[in-house]
Each structure stands twice: as structure tokens, then as C-alpha cells.
Amino acid sequence: MDEIAGVRQVGFREADRRFPDDLTALLRRELTSNDVTGENIGQTAIAPLTTWGFWTPVVVFFLGFWLLGAIINRGRWGLWVVFGIIVGVIAYGGHILGQLFEAPFWKLSASQGLDLVGEQLLAPLAIAAFVFARELTIWFGAWVARSGARKTELNAEAQREYERTLEAGPTLSR
């Protein structure tokens, strides 16, 4: 493959071999091959964290989650559960987009791009991106909803105390 500015360009089929759908197969292949040694085990473990295939779904999830949080804010937990599906779909799409970046999509023909998207539609990592995004949204939403309910109650109590103080009128202090 070509090397541009020290970065190895990966072709479509090589990307398929580097990012298989089954994580256990990836770990098994890397550990049983002679490519992993005591000296490079750290680099091998960190290598997937430096790819577009990892960071694209993470960034897309963050943006979708942030947008949902800005819209719902301290809403009820049910809103986070229902609209968490949207964040899951956004993360799912982010996984597919990340795989297109890994391919790289600008060197693919339309049919190769459609084949790649077709292979990734029900890939375990795509489904995992959907499930993790949905679960994170639900659990974080439960925490935000509970915190929001507590703050709303504290604010209501402070407002009632303020109104009682106003109704009592001014008092002279000695």
C-alpha cells in the first residue's frame, strides 16, 4: 500500500481484515499471531484507539447526546428513555460513517461504498454502538431527572420561604 507522510494508506479489503466484526476474533488473531510481543503489546492495545473507526462514533454520540441534553434538560426520565433511541440511531450512523472514513471512502467506488455500508448495517460493533448509546442516555437521563426533581423541590421550598418572609412584612431588629 501507499505511504503518505508516514501514514500507511489502507485499502478497502485490508480495512475489512483490520476491523473484523467480532472483537474476540480480533483479540485471538492478534494474540496468536507473532505480531504481538512483550515490547509492543501497549502499542497494539492502543492502536484501535487512534482510528477514525473508533473516534467517529464517539464524537457523533457526544454531539447527539449533548443536543438531546440541551433539549430535554431536567425533563422527566421517560423523555430520556424515549428520545434515547434517537441518540442510539445517531451513534449507529456514526459507526457506519467511521467505517467509511476507515475505508477511505474517497477512494471507493459507489458499489464498494454500498457494499461496505451493507456489511456494517448489522455488524456487532454497529449494534453495540446503538445499545451503548441508548443505555448511557437512559442511565444519565435517570440521574439528571432525579437531580432535576431534587433541585426543583429545593427551589420551590426556597420560593415558599421567600413568600412567607414577604407576607410577614418588615420587622425591626434590635
Foldseek 3Di string as FASTA:
>chain_A
DDADPNRDQDAQVRLCVQDPLDPVVNVVVVVPDPPDDPVCVVVVVCVVVPALLPVQLVVQLVVLLVVLCVVQVLHALVSLLVCLLVSLVSSLVSNLVSSCVNNPVVPDDPVSNVVSSVVSNPRNVSNVSSVVSNVVSNVVSNVSNVVSVVVVVVVVVVVVVVVVVVVVPDDDDD
